[in-house]
Amino acid sequence: MFFEGSEKKAEILVDANKINLLTDIDNAFWSKLVECCHAQILSSIENQHCKAFLLSESSLFVWQDRFLILTCGETHLVNSVEYFLANQGSDLVEHVIYQRKNEYFAQAQPSCFGDDIKVLTKFVEGKAYRFGELDGHHTYIFHQDNHFKAVETDKTYELLAYQISATASEHLTQPNLSSADIRDFLCIEALLPDFIIDDYVFEPYGYSLNAIRGHEYLTIHVTPQADSSYISFESNMNLVKLAPKILAVLQPASFDLLSFNEQDFAEQAIAHIPEQYVSNALVNSTLSNDYIVHFANFIQPKQAYKTPVELDISGENHAL
C-alpha cells in the first residue's frame, strides 16, 4: 500500500495591528480553508498562544500573527492559500512562504510546484528557489518579494527521514497499534516534556502528532510502509540538536535537515549528526526576506549489495 508522505507547506504572516488570527477568525473558516485542499480537521488543541489542528493529511497551526499548514498525500495545498488570500485580502498579509518537498511519485500529484506558483503570483509577487539537486532530494521554496524582513529569532526546523529501518517499519505497521504504543516507540515524553499533545493513528497504517507548549510547536507525521517509508518532524525547537535521539529510534537510510534562520547550522550538524551519516547535499542561502536557509541531505553509505525489488506488474502500481 503506497501513500505519499512528503508534505507541501505554507506559512502566511499577517499584520497583527489589523487582524488577530486567534480571535478574529473562527474555526469554521479554518475548516473551510482545510477543505479547499481536500483534507479535513480531525481534532484540535490550544493554549493562549496557539491553536493546533490535526488534519486527515498533516497539520494546521494558528498563532496571533501567522498560520502554518502542512499537507501530504495528493492534497492541493495552494488552493487553501488562495482561499485565505482571496477571502481575507492581501492588504492584511505581511509575507507568504510556500514550500514543496520532492515527492516519491510526483506524477500522481494534482499539480507541480510551477503550477502552484502561477496561482500564488496572481496575489503576490515573489521569488522561487530549489535547494538540492533535481535528481536527488530537494525542496522548492517560494516567498513573497516585498518589504518584509525576518527577525533572527524566527527559527524553524525540519527533519525528514526516509527508508526507516526494518525494525522501525515492522513495529509501526503492527496491527492494532495504539497512540500510546507509538508515542512510547518514538520516545515522545523525552522529546516533548510538558507539551499538550494531540495524536491520531490511521488505518491501516500511519500516525500524526501535534504538540504545543507556549509558542513552541512540533508536529510528526509517520508513513511507515517499507516500500515508501517517510517520517517528518517540523518544529520551532532545534531539531538539529534533537536529531541523535530521533535517528537512534528510526535509523533511516537517509534524511534531510532544513532550517530557517539557524545561523550555526553547519557547526551544529558537525556536533550532532551521528558519524555513520555523511552529507550528500549541502545548500544554503540568505534570501531577500532575510531568512537564512540551510538544506542538507545525509545518507548512510552502502557497504554491501542488495537484491532488486520485484514489481507487481498486474493492475495499478505507483512504482510503474
Protein backbone atom coordinates (compact mmCIF):
# COMPACT_ATOMS: atom_id res chain seq x y z
CA MET A 1 0.00 0.00 0.00
CA PHE A 2 1.51 3.33 -1.09
CA PHE A 3 0.95 6.75 0.48
CA GLU A 4 2.77 9.97 -0.45
CA GLY A 5 4.15 11.25 2.84
CA SER A 6 6.11 14.23 1.51
CA GLU A 7 4.48 17.47 2.61
CA LYS A 8 3.59 20.72 0.97
CA LYS A 9 3.90 23.64 3.38
CA ALA A 10 2.65 27.21 3.53
CA GLU A 11 3.18 29.93 6.12
CA ILE A 12 1.37 33.26 5.97
CA LEU A 13 2.30 36.11 8.29
CA VAL A 14 -0.23 38.91 8.83
CA ASP A 15 -0.18 42.44 10.21
CA ALA A 16 -1.14 41.91 13.86
CA ASN A 17 -2.30 45.53 14.06
CA LYS A 18 -5.02 44.76 11.52
CA ILE A 19 -6.08 41.24 12.49
CA ASN A 20 -5.62 38.66 15.25
CA LEU A 21 -5.86 35.22 13.68
CA LEU A 22 -6.64 33.60 17.06
CA THR A 23 -9.58 35.80 17.97
CA ASP A 24 -10.83 37.42 14.76
CA ILE A 25 -11.24 34.23 12.71
CA ASP A 26 -13.44 31.37 13.87
CA ASN A 27 -12.83 27.65 13.46
CA ALA A 28 -15.42 27.39 10.70
CA PHE A 29 -13.14 29.47 8.47
CA TRP A 30 -10.15 27.22 9.18
CA SER A 31 -12.29 24.17 8.48
CA LYS A 32 -13.28 25.58 5.09
CA LEU A 33 -9.67 26.53 4.34
CA VAL A 34 -8.59 22.95 5.01
CA GLU A 35 -11.40 21.52 2.89
CA CYS A 36 -10.16 23.59 -0.06
CA CYS A 37 -7.08 21.35 -0.34
CA HIS A 38 -9.16 18.16 0.06
CA ALA A 39 -8.42 17.47 3.72
CA GLN A 40 -10.46 17.63 6.93
CA ILE A 41 -9.87 18.69 10.53
CA LEU A 42 -9.88 15.64 12.83
CA SER A 43 -9.26 17.30 16.21
CA SER A 44 -7.62 20.30 17.85
CA ILE A 45 -5.77 21.54 20.91
CA GLU A 46 -4.96 25.07 22.00
CA ASN A 47 -3.32 27.28 24.58
CA GLN A 48 -3.28 31.06 24.91
CA HIS A 49 -0.66 31.38 22.16
CA CYS A 50 -1.57 28.77 19.56
CA LYS A 51 -4.30 26.60 18.07
CA ALA A 52 -3.18 23.28 16.58
CA PHE A 53 -5.46 21.35 14.24
CA LEU A 54 -4.74 17.72 13.37
CA LEU A 55 -5.76 17.04 9.78
CA SER A 56 -6.62 13.97 7.77
CA GLU A 57 -3.43 14.88 5.87
CA SER A 58 -0.98 16.55 8.31
CA SER A 59 -1.47 19.74 10.38
CA LEU A 60 -2.51 23.38 10.72
CA PHE A 61 -1.13 25.74 13.38
CA VAL A 62 -2.52 29.21 14.07
CA TRP A 63 -0.89 31.98 16.11
CA GLN A 64 -1.92 35.61 16.52
CA ASP A 65 0.23 36.85 13.63
CA ARG A 66 0.63 33.81 11.35
CA PHE A 67 -0.59 30.38 10.38
CA LEU A 68 1.30 27.34 9.17
CA ILE A 69 -0.28 24.48 7.24
CA LEU A 70 1.32 21.25 6.07
CA THR A 71 -0.46 18.67 3.93
CA CYS A 72 0.65 15.36 2.46
CA GLY A 73 -0.88 12.74 0.16
CA GLU A 74 -2.46 14.10 -3.01
CA THR A 75 -3.72 17.33 -1.45
CA HIS A 76 -3.81 20.60 -3.38
CA LEU A 77 -2.46 22.95 -0.71
CA VAL A 78 -2.17 26.01 -2.93
CA ASN A 79 -6.00 26.07 -3.05
CA SER A 80 -6.05 26.72 0.70
CA VAL A 81 -3.55 29.56 0.36
CA GLU A 82 -5.64 31.02 -2.46
CA TYR A 83 -8.76 30.77 -0.27
CA PHE A 84 -7.11 32.75 2.53
CA LEU A 85 -5.73 35.45 0.24
CA ALA A 86 -8.99 35.81 -1.65
CA ASN A 87 -11.18 35.97 1.46
CA GLN A 88 -9.01 37.93 3.90
CA GLY A 89 -7.31 40.24 1.41
CA SER A 90 -3.67 40.72 0.53
CA ASP A 91 -3.55 44.03 2.43
CA LEU A 92 -3.56 42.09 5.73
CA VAL A 93 -0.66 39.90 4.67
CA GLU A 94 2.89 40.68 5.71
CA HIS A 95 4.53 37.73 3.99
CA VAL A 96 3.83 34.43 2.19
CA ILE A 97 6.16 31.44 2.11
CA TYR A 98 5.28 28.29 0.17
CA GLN A 99 7.35 25.12 0.08
CA ARG A 100 7.23 21.70 -1.59
CA LYS A 101 9.45 18.72 -0.96
CA ASN A 102 10.28 16.29 -3.75
CA GLU A 103 7.70 13.50 -3.85
CA TYR A 104 8.15 9.78 -4.34
CA PHE A 105 5.67 9.86 -7.23
CA ALA A 106 5.22 13.44 -8.40
CA GLN A 107 3.15 12.31 -11.40
CA ALA A 108 0.31 11.35 -9.04
CA GLN A 109 0.01 14.90 -7.66
CA PRO A 110 -2.76 17.28 -8.80
CA SER A 111 -0.17 19.98 -9.53
CA CYS A 112 3.55 20.65 -9.65
CA PHE A 113 5.47 23.46 -7.95
CA GLY A 114 5.36 25.54 -11.14
CA ASP A 115 1.57 25.22 -11.32
CA ASP A 116 1.28 26.34 -7.70
CA ILE A 117 3.48 29.40 -8.28
CA LYS A 118 1.22 30.52 -11.14
CA VAL A 119 -1.65 30.60 -8.64
CA LEU A 120 0.30 32.40 -5.92
CA THR A 121 1.64 35.11 -8.22
CA LYS A 122 -1.91 36.16 -9.02
CA PHE A 123 -1.92 37.60 -5.50
CA VAL A 124 1.71 38.34 -4.58
CA GLU A 125 4.98 38.91 -6.40
CA GLY A 126 7.74 36.56 -5.33
CA LYS A 127 10.92 34.61 -5.86
CA ALA A 128 11.38 30.85 -6.14
CA TYR A 129 14.33 28.58 -5.40
CA ARG A 130 15.31 24.93 -5.49
CA PHE A 131 17.52 23.70 -2.66
CA GLY A 132 19.20 20.41 -3.64
CA GLU A 133 19.78 18.61 -6.91
CA LEU A 134 16.86 17.89 -9.23
CA ASP A 135 17.78 14.19 -9.47
CA GLY A 136 18.12 13.82 -5.69
CA HIS A 137 16.45 15.04 -2.52
CA HIS A 138 15.44 18.67 -2.86
CA THR A 139 12.91 21.22 -1.72
CA TYR A 140 11.31 24.14 -3.56
CA ILE A 141 10.73 27.45 -1.77
CA PHE A 142 8.67 30.41 -2.96
CA HIS A 143 8.49 33.61 -0.92
CA GLN A 144 6.78 36.91 -1.42
CA ASP A 145 9.19 39.60 -2.52
CA ASN A 146 8.18 42.66 -0.52
CA HIS A 147 9.28 44.86 2.38
CA PHE A 148 9.23 42.01 4.92
CA LYS A 149 12.46 41.13 6.74
CA ALA A 150 12.62 38.13 9.07
CA VAL A 151 13.92 38.63 12.60
CA GLU A 152 16.85 36.45 13.68
CA THR A 153 14.81 34.69 16.37
CA ASP A 154 12.19 33.45 13.88
CA LYS A 155 13.61 29.93 13.52
CA THR A 156 12.08 26.71 12.22
CA TYR A 157 13.49 23.27 11.54
CA GLU A 158 12.52 20.18 9.55
CA LEU A 159 13.90 16.65 9.82
CA LEU A 160 12.65 14.29 7.11
CA ALA A 161 13.58 10.62 7.46
CA TYR A 162 13.48 8.19 4.52
CA GLN A 163 13.75 4.40 4.41
CA ILE A 164 13.49 3.82 8.14
CA SER A 165 14.97 0.59 9.47
CA ALA A 166 13.16 -2.72 9.03
CA THR A 167 12.74 -2.86 12.82
CA ALA A 168 11.07 0.55 12.91
CA SER A 169 8.86 -0.18 9.89
CA GLU A 170 7.75 -3.54 11.24
CA HIS A 171 6.93 -2.04 14.64
CA LEU A 172 4.95 0.85 13.18
CA THR A 173 2.93 -1.38 10.83
CA GLN A 174 1.79 -3.82 13.50
CA PRO A 175 -1.98 -4.31 13.65
CA ASN A 176 -3.95 -2.62 16.42
CA LEU A 177 -1.23 -0.19 17.42
CA SER A 178 -2.42 2.46 19.87
CA SER A 179 -1.25 6.05 20.00
CA ALA A 180 0.38 5.25 23.36
CA ASP A 181 2.36 2.43 21.71
CA ILE A 182 3.67 4.78 19.02
CA ARG A 183 4.46 7.57 21.49
CA ASP A 184 6.49 5.10 23.54
CA PHE A 185 8.35 3.84 20.47
CA LEU A 186 9.17 7.37 19.33
CA CYS A 187 10.21 8.39 22.88
CA ILE A 188 7.81 11.33 22.79
CA GLU A 189 7.96 12.02 26.54
CA ALA A 190 11.71 12.54 26.32
CA LEU A 191 11.37 14.77 23.24
CA LEU A 192 8.36 16.78 24.42
CA PRO A 193 8.22 17.27 28.19
CA ASP A 194 5.23 19.32 29.43
CA PHE A 195 3.70 19.68 25.95
CA ILE A 196 -0.02 19.41 25.21
CA ILE A 197 -0.30 16.52 22.74
CA ASP A 198 -2.92 15.55 20.18
CA ASP A 199 -2.36 12.47 18.02
CA TYR A 200 -4.15 10.05 15.73
CA VAL A 201 -3.50 6.53 14.42
CA PHE A 202 -4.68 5.94 10.86
CA GLU A 203 -5.94 2.68 9.36
CA PRO A 204 -4.29 0.53 8.23
CA TYR A 205 -1.06 2.47 8.78
CA GLY A 206 0.08 5.96 9.61
CA TYR A 207 0.29 8.33 12.55
CA SER A 208 0.17 12.08 13.15
CA LEU A 209 1.02 14.13 16.22
CA ASN A 210 0.71 17.81 17.12
CA ALA A 211 2.31 19.19 20.28
CA ILE A 212 2.33 22.73 21.70
CA ARG A 213 3.90 24.43 24.72
CA GLY A 214 3.58 28.20 24.87
CA HIS A 215 4.66 29.47 21.44
CA GLU A 216 6.57 26.23 20.73
CA TYR A 217 5.19 23.55 18.45
CA LEU A 218 6.23 20.22 16.99
CA THR A 219 4.41 18.04 14.51
CA ILE A 220 5.24 14.49 13.45
CA HIS A 221 3.80 12.54 10.52
CA VAL A 222 4.55 8.86 10.02
CA THR A 223 4.24 6.87 6.79
CA PRO A 224 5.79 3.55 7.90
CA GLN A 225 5.30 1.24 4.88
CA ALA A 226 8.62 -0.37 3.98
CA ASP A 227 8.48 0.48 0.27
CA SER A 228 7.78 4.19 0.82
CA SER A 229 8.62 4.94 4.45
CA TYR A 230 8.86 8.59 5.38
CA ILE A 231 8.66 10.30 8.76
CA SER A 232 8.67 14.08 9.09
CA PHE A 233 9.36 16.34 12.05
CA GLU A 234 8.62 20.09 11.83
CA SER A 235 9.19 22.47 14.75
CA ASN A 236 10.47 25.78 16.05
CA MET A 237 12.50 23.70 18.52
CA ASN A 238 16.06 22.91 17.43
CA LEU A 239 15.74 19.60 15.58
CA VAL A 240 19.46 19.56 14.73
CA LYS A 241 20.23 19.10 18.41
CA LEU A 242 17.38 16.59 18.79
CA ALA A 243 18.47 14.62 15.72
CA PRO A 244 20.57 12.00 17.59
CA LYS A 245 17.54 10.88 19.64
CA ILE A 246 15.29 10.73 16.58
CA LEU A 247 17.81 8.93 14.38
CA ALA A 248 18.60 6.36 17.08
CA VAL A 249 14.96 5.24 17.02
CA LEU A 250 14.27 5.35 13.26
CA GLN A 251 17.73 4.52 11.83
CA PRO A 252 16.81 5.85 8.37
CA ALA A 253 18.93 5.16 5.30
CA SER A 254 18.80 8.90 4.56
CA PHE A 255 17.33 12.07 5.95
CA ASP A 256 17.04 15.76 5.16
CA LEU A 257 17.58 18.66 7.53
CA LEU A 258 16.18 22.06 6.70
CA SER A 259 16.44 25.17 8.85
CA PHE A 260 15.27 28.75 8.62
CA ASN A 261 17.45 31.28 10.45
CA GLU A 262 19.73 28.85 12.28
CA GLN A 263 23.00 30.77 11.91
CA ASP A 264 25.06 27.94 13.46
CA PHE A 265 23.58 25.15 11.34
CA ALA A 266 26.91 23.84 9.98
CA GLU A 267 28.60 23.73 13.39
CA GLN A 268 25.57 22.08 14.99
CA ALA A 269 25.34 19.46 12.24
CA ILE A 270 29.00 18.52 12.79
CA ALA A 271 28.41 18.28 16.53
CA HIS A 272 25.14 16.33 16.50
CA ILE A 273 24.79 14.19 13.36
CA PRO A 274 25.96 10.59 14.05
CA GLU A 275 29.19 9.50 12.36
CA GLN A 276 27.58 6.80 10.21
CA TYR A 277 25.85 9.50 8.14
CA VAL A 278 27.68 11.54 5.51
CA SER A 279 26.44 14.64 3.72
CA ASN A 280 25.16 14.05 0.20
CA ALA A 281 23.93 17.60 -0.47
CA LEU A 282 24.60 20.91 1.28
CA VAL A 283 22.89 24.12 0.16
CA ASN A 284 22.46 27.44 1.93
CA SER A 285 21.46 30.99 1.09
CA THR A 286 20.25 34.19 2.70
CA LEU A 287 17.03 35.05 0.91
CA SER A 288 15.90 38.60 0.18
CA ASN A 289 13.43 38.31 3.07
CA ASP A 290 16.44 37.81 5.40
CA TYR A 291 15.72 34.15 6.15
CA ILE A 292 18.95 32.16 6.26
CA VAL A 293 18.02 28.79 4.76
CA HIS A 294 20.12 25.64 5.09
CA PHE A 295 19.27 22.36 3.35
CA ALA A 296 21.28 19.21 3.93
CA ASN A 297 20.75 15.60 2.84
CA PHE A 298 22.58 12.87 4.76
CA ILE A 299 22.95 9.22 3.77
CA GLN A 300 24.39 6.01 5.16
CA PRO A 301 26.89 4.81 2.52
CA LYS A 302 26.12 1.31 1.25
CA GLN A 303 28.59 -1.39 2.26
CA ALA A 304 27.03 -4.42 0.57
CA TYR A 305 24.95 -5.34 -2.47
CA LYS A 306 21.20 -5.81 -2.15
CA THR A 307 18.79 -7.76 -4.32
CA PRO A 308 16.40 -5.80 -6.57
CA VAL A 309 12.76 -5.30 -5.70
CA GLU A 310 10.47 -7.36 -7.90
CA LEU A 311 7.48 -5.30 -9.00
CA ASP A 312 3.86 -6.38 -9.28
CA ILE A 313 3.02 -5.75 -12.95
CA SER A 314 -0.62 -6.76 -12.65
CA GLY A 315 -3.14 -3.98 -12.09
CA GLU A 316 -2.32 -0.48 -10.90
CA ASN A 317 1.04 0.15 -9.28
CA HIS A 318 2.55 3.52 -8.42
CA ALA A 319 6.06 2.12 -8.80
CA LEU A 320 5.47 1.62 -12.51
